[in-house]
C-alpha atoms as a PDB file:
ATOM      1  CA  MET A   1     106.539 -57.386 -28.503  1.00  0.00           C
ATOM      2  CA  PRO A   2     103.554 -56.016 -30.470  1.00  0.00           C
ATOM      3  CA  LYS A   3     101.909 -52.786 -29.414  1.00  0.00           C
ATOM      4  CA  PHE A   4      98.213 -52.893 -28.699  1.00  0.00           C
ATOM      5  CA  THR A   5      95.921 -49.909 -28.836  1.00  0.00           C
ATOM      6  CA  LEU A   6      93.020 -49.894 -26.453  1.00  0.00           C
ATOM      7  CA  ILE A   7      89.728 -49.339 -28.190  1.00  0.00           C
ATOM      8  CA  LYS A   8      87.569 -46.891 -26.314  1.00  0.00           C
ATOM      9  CA  THR A   9      84.107 -48.204 -25.619  1.00  0.00           C
ATOM     10  CA  PRO A  10      81.641 -45.506 -26.638  1.00  0.00           C
ATOM     11  CA  THR A  11      79.701 -43.944 -23.808  1.00  0.00           C
ATOM     12  CA  GLU A  12      76.082 -42.888 -24.017  1.00  0.00           C
ATOM     13  CA  TYR A  13      77.398 -39.382 -24.684  1.00  0.00           C
ATOM     14  CA  ASP A  14      79.548 -40.574 -27.610  1.00  0.00           C
ATOM     15  CA  LEU A  15      76.595 -42.442 -29.074  1.00  0.00           C
ATOM     16  CA  ALA A  16      74.340 -39.419 -28.678  1.00  0.00           C
ATOM     17  CA  LEU A  17      76.889 -37.241 -30.483  1.00  0.00           C
ATOM     18  CA  ALA A  18      77.010 -39.737 -33.340  1.00  0.00           C
ATOM     19  CA  GLU A  19      73.214 -39.740 -33.494  1.00  0.00           C
ATOM     20  CA  ARG A  20      73.249 -35.929 -33.533  1.00  0.00           C
ATOM     21  CA  GLU A  21      75.582 -35.897 -36.535  1.00  0.00           C
ATOM     22  CA  ALA A  22      73.495 -38.497 -38.361  1.00  0.00           C
ATOM     23  CA  GLU A  23      70.265 -36.589 -37.768  1.00  0.00           C
ATOM     24  CA  ALA A  24      71.617 -33.052 -38.266  1.00  0.00           C
ATOM     25  CA  ASP A  25      69.563 -32.352 -41.389  1.00  0.00           C
ATOM     26  CA  HIS A  26      66.147 -32.429 -39.704  1.00  0.00           C
ATOM     27  CA  LEU A  27      64.700 -32.077 -36.220  1.00  0.00           C
ATOM     28  CA  ASP A  28      62.095 -34.598 -35.136  1.00  0.00           C
ATOM     29  CA  PRO A  29      61.008 -35.611 -31.607  1.00  0.00           C
ATOM     30  CA  VAL A  30      63.714 -38.272 -31.336  1.00  0.00           C
ATOM     31  CA  THR A  31      66.420 -35.822 -32.377  1.00  0.00           C
ATOM     32  CA  ALA A  32      65.083 -33.284 -29.899  1.00  0.00           C
ATOM     33  CA  LEU A  33      65.443 -35.867 -27.105  1.00  0.00           C
ATOM     34  CA  ILE A  34      68.983 -36.666 -28.243  1.00  0.00           C
ATOM     35  CA  GLU A  35      69.836 -32.961 -28.193  1.00  0.00           C
ATOM     36  CA  ALA A  36      68.397 -32.646 -24.689  1.00  0.00           C
ATOM     37  CA  ARG A  37      70.508 -35.572 -23.440  1.00  0.00           C
ATOM     38  CA  ILE A  38      73.638 -34.014 -24.948  1.00  0.00           C
ATOM     39  CA  GLN A  39      72.887 -30.648 -23.374  1.00  0.00           C
ATOM     40  CA  VAL A  40      72.392 -32.253 -19.944  1.00  0.00           C
ATOM     41  CA  VAL A  41      75.711 -34.105 -20.187  1.00  0.00           C
ATOM     42  CA  GLU A  42      77.528 -30.975 -21.360  1.00  0.00           C
ATOM     43  CA  PHE A  43      76.008 -28.966 -18.503  1.00  0.00           C
ATOM     44  CA  ARG A  44      77.032 -31.591 -15.956  1.00  0.00           C
ATOM     45  CA  GLN A  45      80.578 -31.605 -17.337  1.00  0.00           C
ATOM     46  CA  THR A  46      80.882 -27.821 -17.039  1.00  0.00           C
ATOM     47  CA  GLN A  47      79.022 -27.559 -13.711  1.00  0.00           C
ATOM     48  CA  PRO A  48      80.174 -30.531 -11.573  1.00  0.00           C
ATOM     49  CA  GLN A  49      78.400 -29.239  -8.462  1.00  0.00           C
ATOM     50  CA  ALA A  50      75.055 -29.450 -10.318  1.00  0.00           C
ATOM     51  CA  ALA A  51      75.375 -33.168 -11.048  1.00  0.00           C
END
């Protein structure tokens, strides 16, 4: 029986991280918004009571 690997569907957080890496060389308004979204998600992950 063949083994199947589940492919993880990227979350908004995963996509934002990918955008951050792609835009790392300069900071424009769009990148600033991406950074803000990432920071909010990271804060919510470390402070569950704040979510």
